[in-house]
N, C-alpha and C. Protein backbone atom coordinates (compact mmCIF):
# COMPACT_ATOMS: atom_id res chain seq x y z
N UNK A 1 145.10 97.89 128.90
CA UNK A 1 144.61 99.23 128.71
C UNK A 1 143.41 99.13 127.49
N UNK A 2 142.61 99.98 127.61
CA UNK A 2 141.43 100.02 126.59
C UNK A 2 142.00 100.60 125.17
N UNK A 3 141.60 100.05 124.16
CA UNK A 3 141.96 100.29 122.48
C UNK A 3 140.91 101.79 122.51
N UNK A 4 141.55 102.23 121.52
CA UNK A 4 140.37 103.79 121.07
C UNK A 4 139.94 103.10 120.06
N UNK A 5 138.84 103.74 119.78
CA UNK A 5 137.43 103.44 119.50
C UNK A 5 137.35 104.18 118.59
N UNK A 6 138.06 104.61 117.99
CA UNK A 6 138.15 105.89 116.74
C UNK A 6 137.94 105.50 115.61
N UNK A 7 138.00 104.41 115.32
CA UNK A 7 137.99 103.90 113.77
C UNK A 7 137.10 102.54 114.13
N UNK A 8 135.97 102.53 115.32
CA UNK A 8 134.75 101.48 115.13
C UNK A 8 134.16 101.79 114.26
N UNK A 9 133.04 100.58 113.48
CA UNK A 9 132.59 100.61 112.66
C UNK A 9 131.06 101.50 112.91
N UNK A 10 130.68 101.34 114.49
CA UNK A 10 129.29 102.01 115.14
C UNK A 10 129.77 103.20 115.08
N UNK A 11 130.82 103.81 115.32
CA UNK A 11 130.98 105.31 115.34
C UNK A 11 130.72 105.80 113.91
N UNK A 12 131.55 105.24 113.40
CA UNK A 12 131.18 106.27 111.89
C UNK A 12 129.90 105.81 110.79
N UNK A 13 129.21 104.84 111.68
CA UNK A 13 127.98 104.59 110.98
C UNK A 13 127.21 105.41 111.45
N UNK A 14 127.28 105.65 112.71
CA UNK A 14 126.44 106.83 113.70
C UNK A 14 126.79 107.82 112.89
N UNK A 15 128.01 108.28 112.83
CA UNK A 15 128.44 109.76 112.12
C UNK A 15 127.86 109.97 110.56
N UNK A 16 128.18 108.98 109.46
CA UNK A 16 127.53 109.23 108.49
C UNK A 16 126.18 109.07 108.60
N UNK A 17 125.51 108.39 109.43
CA UNK A 17 124.16 108.13 109.34
C UNK A 17 123.47 109.64 109.67
N UNK A 18 124.22 110.54 110.49
CA UNK A 18 123.80 112.16 111.19
C UNK A 18 124.19 112.69 109.95
N UNK A 19 124.96 112.68 109.48
CA UNK A 19 125.15 113.32 107.83
C UNK A 19 124.48 113.38 107.12
N UNK A 20 124.52 112.54 106.88
CA UNK A 20 123.25 112.28 105.82
C UNK A 20 121.86 112.39 106.10
N UNK A 21 121.45 112.20 107.46
CA UNK A 21 120.01 112.63 107.61
C UNK A 21 120.18 114.48 107.85
N UNK A 22 121.45 115.04 108.16
CA UNK A 22 121.27 116.45 108.40
C UNK A 22 120.97 117.20 106.74
N UNK A 23 121.94 116.66 105.97
CA UNK A 23 121.72 117.04 104.50
C UNK A 23 120.65 116.49 103.98
N UNK A 24 119.95 115.70 104.42
CA UNK A 24 118.66 115.39 103.81
C UNK A 24 117.68 116.36 104.16
N UNK A 25 117.60 116.73 105.46
CA UNK A 25 117.25 117.58 105.92
C UNK A 25 117.03 119.12 105.88
N UNK A 26 118.20 119.40 105.00
CA UNK A 26 118.33 120.61 105.09
C UNK A 26 117.09 120.88 103.32
N UNK A 27 117.58 119.78 102.58
CA UNK A 27 116.73 119.64 101.18
C UNK A 27 115.67 119.60 101.24
N UNK A 28 115.29 118.78 102.34
CA UNK A 28 113.60 118.45 101.80
C UNK A 28 112.76 119.73 102.71
N UNK A 29 113.94 120.27 103.80
CA UNK A 29 112.93 121.67 104.83
C UNK A 29 112.59 122.53 103.49
N UNK A 30 113.50 122.34 102.08
CA UNK A 30 112.80 123.76 101.24
C UNK A 30 111.01 122.61 100.93
N UNK A 31 110.58 121.74 100.74
CA UNK A 31 109.57 121.56 100.20
C UNK A 31 108.70 121.34 101.92
N UNK A 32 109.24 121.89 102.92
CA UNK A 32 108.70 121.53 103.80
C UNK A 32 108.46 120.45 104.92
N UNK A 33 109.30 119.27 104.94
CA UNK A 33 109.43 118.28 105.12
C UNK A 33 110.78 117.74 106.18
N UNK A 34 111.09 116.81 106.91
CA UNK A 34 112.02 116.56 107.13
C UNK A 34 112.78 114.72 107.02
N UNK A 35 114.24 115.03 107.51
CA UNK A 35 114.48 113.41 107.26
C UNK A 35 113.64 112.54 107.95
N UNK A 36 112.84 112.93 109.05
CA UNK A 36 111.97 111.79 110.08
C UNK A 36 110.52 111.58 109.69
N UNK A 37 110.69 112.62 108.46
CA UNK A 37 108.95 112.95 108.18
C UNK A 37 108.51 112.26 106.88
N UNK A 38 109.62 112.30 105.86
CA UNK A 38 109.65 112.39 104.17
C UNK A 38 108.82 110.94 103.80
N UNK A 39 109.50 109.97 104.65
CA UNK A 39 109.31 108.67 104.00
C UNK A 39 107.50 107.73 104.45
N UNK A 40 106.54 108.55 105.48
CA UNK A 40 105.41 108.49 105.65
C UNK A 40 104.61 108.56 104.53
N UNK A 41 105.40 109.76 103.66
CA UNK A 41 104.57 110.44 102.23
C UNK A 41 104.84 108.94 101.53
N UNK A 42 105.82 108.33 101.20
CA UNK A 42 106.12 107.49 100.37
C UNK A 42 105.69 105.88 100.75
N UNK A 43 105.45 105.96 101.79
CA UNK A 43 104.85 104.37 102.42
C UNK A 43 103.57 104.60 102.08
N UNK A 44 102.95 105.80 102.68
CA UNK A 44 101.13 105.73 102.26
C UNK A 44 101.09 105.92 100.94
N UNK A 45 101.65 106.54 99.86
CA UNK A 45 101.65 106.41 98.40
C UNK A 45 101.72 105.30 97.72
N UNK A 46 102.73 104.38 98.28
CA UNK A 46 103.17 103.10 97.50
C UNK A 46 102.09 102.22 98.19
N UNK A 47 101.31 102.12 99.26
CA UNK A 47 100.49 101.54 99.90
C UNK A 47 99.23 101.39 99.99
N UNK A 48 98.24 101.84 99.60
CA UNK A 48 96.92 102.54 99.65
C UNK A 48 95.90 101.90 100.79
N UNK A 49 95.56 102.52 101.47
CA UNK A 49 94.79 101.93 102.98
C UNK A 49 95.39 101.72 103.75
N UNK A 50 96.87 101.79 103.57
CA UNK A 50 97.97 101.65 105.15
C UNK A 50 97.29 102.11 105.99
N UNK A 51 96.98 101.46 107.19
CA UNK A 51 96.98 102.30 108.61
C UNK A 51 98.18 102.41 109.79
N UNK A 52 97.89 103.49 110.44
CA UNK A 52 98.87 103.90 111.13
C UNK A 52 99.82 102.51 111.96
N UNK A 53 98.84 101.49 112.14
CA UNK A 53 99.10 100.76 113.15
C UNK A 53 100.33 99.92 112.71
N UNK A 54 99.80 99.37 111.49
CA UNK A 54 100.51 98.98 110.07
C UNK A 54 101.92 99.38 109.40
N UNK A 55 101.73 100.63 109.52
CA UNK A 55 102.88 101.49 109.21
C UNK A 55 104.02 101.62 109.98
N UNK A 56 103.48 101.58 111.60
CA UNK A 56 104.20 101.64 112.83
C UNK A 56 105.36 99.90 112.52
N UNK A 57 104.28 98.86 112.39
CA UNK A 57 104.96 97.77 112.39
C UNK A 57 105.38 97.17 111.45
N UNK A 58 105.40 97.15 110.21
CA UNK A 58 106.32 97.65 108.78
C UNK A 58 107.64 98.07 109.20
N UNK A 59 107.59 99.28 109.36
CA UNK A 59 108.66 100.13 109.46
C UNK A 59 109.47 100.09 111.05
N UNK A 60 108.98 99.36 111.87
CA UNK A 60 109.71 99.42 112.90
C UNK A 60 109.86 100.84 114.06
N UNK A 61 108.81 101.21 113.77
CA UNK A 61 108.89 102.94 114.50
C UNK A 61 107.78 102.31 115.35
N UNK A 62 108.10 103.20 116.73
CA UNK A 62 107.28 103.38 117.60
C UNK A 62 105.82 104.05 117.34
N UNK A 63 104.72 103.47 117.91
CA UNK A 63 103.26 104.21 117.87
C UNK A 63 102.78 105.26 118.25
N UNK A 64 103.48 105.60 119.07
CA UNK A 64 103.88 107.09 119.15
C UNK A 64 104.35 108.21 118.59
N UNK A 65 105.66 108.02 118.07
CA UNK A 65 106.09 108.53 116.82
C UNK A 65 105.09 108.49 115.43
N UNK A 66 104.79 107.46 115.47
CA UNK A 66 103.83 107.39 114.05
C UNK A 66 102.77 108.32 114.33
N UNK A 67 102.33 108.30 115.27
CA UNK A 67 100.88 109.69 115.58
C UNK A 67 101.44 110.66 115.52
N UNK A 68 102.77 110.81 116.49
CA UNK A 68 103.35 112.54 115.68
C UNK A 68 103.25 112.93 114.41
N UNK A 69 103.82 111.82 113.45
CA UNK A 69 104.34 112.13 112.75
C UNK A 69 102.84 112.56 111.49
N UNK A 70 102.12 111.41 111.85
CA UNK A 70 100.71 111.40 111.13
C UNK A 70 100.02 112.67 111.59
N UNK A 71 99.78 113.34 112.62
CA UNK A 71 99.19 114.21 113.00
C UNK A 71 100.08 115.66 112.35
N UNK A 72 101.08 115.60 112.51
CA UNK A 72 101.66 116.71 111.88
C UNK A 72 101.87 116.89 110.07
N UNK A 73 101.70 115.49 109.51
CA UNK A 73 101.47 115.88 107.95
C UNK A 73 99.96 116.01 107.76
N UNK A 74 98.90 115.50 108.60
CA UNK A 74 97.49 116.02 108.26
C UNK A 74 97.60 117.60 108.40
N UNK A 75 98.29 118.39 109.74
CA UNK A 75 97.67 119.61 109.74
C UNK A 75 98.64 120.24 108.97
N UNK A 76 99.56 119.93 108.05
CA UNK A 76 100.38 120.41 106.48
C UNK A 76 99.38 120.02 105.49
N UNK A 77 98.71 119.13 105.94
CA UNK A 77 97.52 119.24 104.31
C UNK A 77 98.14 118.02 103.46
N UNK A 78 99.11 117.12 103.79
CA UNK A 78 99.59 116.15 103.15
C UNK A 78 99.32 114.78 103.14
N UNK A 79 98.65 114.97 104.20
CA UNK A 79 97.71 113.45 104.34
C UNK A 79 96.44 113.49 105.14
N UNK A 80 95.56 112.59 104.67
CA UNK A 80 94.49 112.56 105.60
C UNK A 80 94.35 110.71 106.64
N UNK A 81 93.18 111.25 107.17
CA UNK A 81 92.78 109.69 108.10
C UNK A 81 91.31 109.21 106.98
N UNK A 82 91.06 108.22 106.41
CA UNK A 82 89.78 107.85 105.72
C UNK A 82 89.17 106.64 107.05
N UNK A 83 87.90 106.26 106.97
CA UNK A 83 87.56 105.32 107.96
C UNK A 83 88.36 104.03 107.13
N UNK A 84 87.98 103.03 108.01
CA UNK A 84 88.35 101.91 107.28
C UNK A 84 87.31 101.15 107.39
N UNK A 85 86.91 100.74 106.31
CA UNK A 85 85.68 99.79 106.13
C UNK A 85 85.70 98.24 106.49
N UNK A 86 86.65 98.15 107.09
CA UNK A 86 86.75 96.67 107.57
C UNK A 86 87.08 96.27 108.52
N UNK A 87 87.40 97.75 109.25
CA UNK A 87 87.89 97.87 110.61
C UNK A 87 87.13 99.01 111.47
N UNK A 88 85.97 99.13 111.68
CA UNK A 88 85.86 100.41 112.64
C UNK A 88 86.67 101.35 113.07
N UNK A 89 87.52 100.71 113.93
CA UNK A 89 88.23 101.34 115.04
C UNK A 89 89.39 102.11 114.60
N UNK A 90 90.01 101.54 113.09
CA UNK A 90 91.21 101.99 112.50
C UNK A 90 90.62 102.78 111.17
N UNK A 91 91.67 103.84 111.08
CA UNK A 91 91.42 104.63 109.80
C UNK A 91 92.70 104.41 109.14
N UNK A 92 92.15 104.72 107.77
CA UNK A 92 93.36 104.23 106.67
C UNK A 92 94.27 105.47 106.11
N UNK A 93 95.65 105.56 106.15
CA UNK A 93 96.18 107.04 105.84
C UNK A 93 96.09 106.85 103.89
N UNK A 94 95.50 107.82 103.78
CA UNK A 94 95.28 108.50 102.22
C UNK A 94 96.72 109.94 101.83
N UNK A 95 97.10 109.89 100.86
CA UNK A 95 97.67 111.54 100.30
C UNK A 95 96.84 112.19 100.20
N UNK A 96 96.47 113.37 99.95
CA UNK A 96 95.86 114.35 100.14
C UNK A 96 96.14 114.90 98.32
N UNK A 97 95.73 115.97 97.58
CA UNK A 97 96.32 116.52 96.11
C UNK A 97 98.18 117.01 96.30
N UNK A 98 97.71 117.88 97.52
CA UNK A 98 99.57 118.55 97.97
C UNK A 98 100.29 117.29 98.72
N UNK A 99 99.78 116.15 99.02
CA UNK A 99 100.70 115.12 99.33
C UNK A 99 101.52 114.40 98.11
N UNK A 100 100.16 113.97 96.96
CA UNK A 100 100.46 113.64 96.03
C UNK A 100 101.27 114.30 95.21
N UNK A 101 101.11 116.06 95.04
CA UNK A 101 102.07 116.27 94.11
C UNK A 101 103.56 116.49 94.79
N UNK A 102 103.66 116.20 96.12
CA UNK A 102 105.04 116.65 96.81
C UNK A 102 105.60 114.99 96.60
N UNK A 103 104.76 114.27 96.13
CA UNK A 103 105.90 112.87 96.22
C UNK A 103 106.83 112.69 95.67
N UNK A 104 106.53 113.53 94.01
CA UNK A 104 107.74 113.76 93.03
C UNK A 104 109.03 114.34 93.56
N UNK A 105 108.67 115.32 94.14
CA UNK A 105 109.66 115.98 94.80
C UNK A 105 110.68 115.29 95.66
N UNK A 106 109.93 114.39 96.56
CA UNK A 106 110.98 114.02 97.55
C UNK A 106 111.72 113.11 96.46
N UNK A 107 111.09 112.35 95.77
CA UNK A 107 112.27 111.29 94.80
C UNK A 107 113.21 112.15 94.13
N UNK A 108 113.21 113.66 93.75
CA UNK A 108 114.02 114.06 93.46
C UNK A 108 114.88 114.53 94.13
N UNK A 109 114.82 114.88 95.36
CA UNK A 109 116.03 115.20 96.46
C UNK A 109 116.62 113.69 96.94
N UNK A 110 116.01 112.57 96.87
CA UNK A 110 116.61 111.66 97.43
C UNK A 110 117.41 110.80 96.48
N UNK A 111 117.12 111.39 95.28
CA UNK A 111 117.92 110.77 94.14
C UNK A 111 119.10 111.83 93.41
N UNK A 112 119.51 112.87 94.27
CA UNK A 112 120.27 113.66 93.88
C UNK A 112 121.23 113.27 95.34
N UNK A 113 120.63 112.88 96.50
CA UNK A 113 121.26 112.49 97.64
C UNK A 113 121.79 110.72 97.13
N UNK A 114 121.50 110.41 96.99
CA UNK A 114 121.85 109.44 96.16
C UNK A 114 123.02 109.10 95.71
N UNK A 115 122.82 109.97 94.54
CA UNK A 115 124.00 110.23 93.41
C UNK A 115 125.20 110.72 94.36
N UNK A 116 125.12 111.46 95.27
CA UNK A 116 126.45 111.68 95.58
C UNK A 116 126.42 110.66 96.92
N UNK A 117 125.96 109.74 97.36
CA UNK A 117 126.36 108.92 98.22
C UNK A 117 127.13 107.69 97.47
N UNK A 118 126.79 107.57 96.29
CA UNK A 118 126.94 106.48 95.46
C UNK A 118 128.60 106.88 94.51
N UNK A 119 128.59 108.25 94.42
CA UNK A 119 129.80 108.71 94.14
C UNK A 119 130.81 108.87 95.32
N UNK A 120 130.41 108.71 96.23
CA UNK A 120 131.64 108.41 97.53
C UNK A 120 132.00 107.26 97.65
N UNK A 121 130.82 105.88 97.69
CA UNK A 121 130.93 104.87 97.36
C UNK A 121 132.40 104.39 96.48
N UNK A 122 131.56 104.66 95.40
CA UNK A 122 132.50 104.54 94.11
C UNK A 122 134.15 104.89 94.17
N UNK A 123 133.93 106.44 95.12
CA UNK A 123 135.65 107.03 94.85
C UNK A 123 136.10 106.27 95.81
N UNK A 124 135.66 104.92 96.82
CA UNK A 124 136.37 104.27 97.65
C UNK A 124 136.94 103.02 96.88
N UNK A 125 136.12 102.71 95.75
CA UNK A 125 136.87 101.62 95.01
C UNK A 125 135.93 100.56 95.82
N UNK A 126 134.32 100.70 96.52
CA UNK A 126 133.60 99.78 96.93
C UNK A 126 132.82 99.35 95.94
N UNK A 127 132.31 97.90 96.09
CA UNK A 127 131.11 97.75 95.08
C UNK A 127 130.28 98.22 95.97
N UNK A 128 129.35 99.06 95.21
CA UNK A 128 128.06 99.42 95.63
C UNK A 128 127.21 98.47 96.12
N UNK A 129 126.75 97.58 95.41
CA UNK A 129 125.72 96.64 95.82
C UNK A 129 126.36 96.13 97.19
N UNK A 130 127.50 95.63 97.28
CA UNK A 130 128.36 94.74 98.45
C UNK A 130 128.02 95.75 99.44
N UNK A 131 128.24 96.78 99.22
CA UNK A 131 128.19 97.77 100.46
C UNK A 131 126.58 97.95 101.40
N UNK A 132 125.47 98.13 100.04
CA UNK A 132 124.60 97.97 100.74
C UNK A 132 123.77 96.78 101.12
N UNK A 133 124.34 95.99 100.30
CA UNK A 133 124.02 94.76 101.13
C UNK A 133 124.62 94.43 102.60
N UNK A 134 125.86 95.06 102.55
CA UNK A 134 126.31 95.05 104.14
C UNK A 134 125.35 95.90 104.94
N UNK A 135 125.16 96.89 104.58
CA UNK A 135 124.39 97.69 105.33
C UNK A 135 122.92 97.03 106.11
N UNK A 136 122.36 96.58 104.64
CA UNK A 136 121.42 95.99 104.86
C UNK A 136 121.32 94.65 106.08
N UNK A 137 122.61 94.10 106.49
CA UNK A 137 122.77 93.03 107.17
C UNK A 137 122.67 93.86 108.67
N UNK A 138 123.16 94.85 108.48
CA UNK A 138 123.43 95.62 109.63
C UNK A 138 122.81 95.86 110.52
N UNK A 139 121.58 96.20 109.59
CA UNK A 139 120.33 96.75 110.08
C UNK A 139 118.92 96.09 110.09
N UNK A 140 119.32 94.65 109.74
CA UNK A 140 118.37 93.87 110.04
C UNK A 140 118.13 93.52 111.13
N UNK A 141 116.96 93.79 111.76
CA UNK A 141 116.22 93.64 113.06
C UNK A 141 115.72 92.21 113.17
N UNK A 142 115.51 91.29 112.50
CA UNK A 142 114.80 90.46 112.95
C UNK A 142 115.96 89.43 113.06
N UNK A 143 117.05 89.77 113.39
CA UNK A 143 117.97 88.64 113.75
C UNK A 143 118.41 88.43 115.08
């Protein structure tokens, strides 16, 4: 007889991730972004001169997904490609003025979501840092 998987860790991680993404999507939509593309703005801001290839490699994102997101953000006027002086075949990504202006708005949304998540963790009497460390361990793709 097979056990029920109603209380499996993987099931609840998937459900929780989906719910967080949906809430984040709703908030980010107010500034024209989504849960699948906001972090490109953060990464490009924090890593001047980043190339699409490096971005994909660092974040474990398929190259075609990076290309699609970059094209979308370029069409929204949030980022631009600049020639890479070290490698003529590659382009560096940079935020536009509009992208730079939206950067702090992303943090406001993320901070509000983080407060809600921290409250849930706290209500369950979990040590927040241990919970985060456990999620990091589960997410570590280098193992």
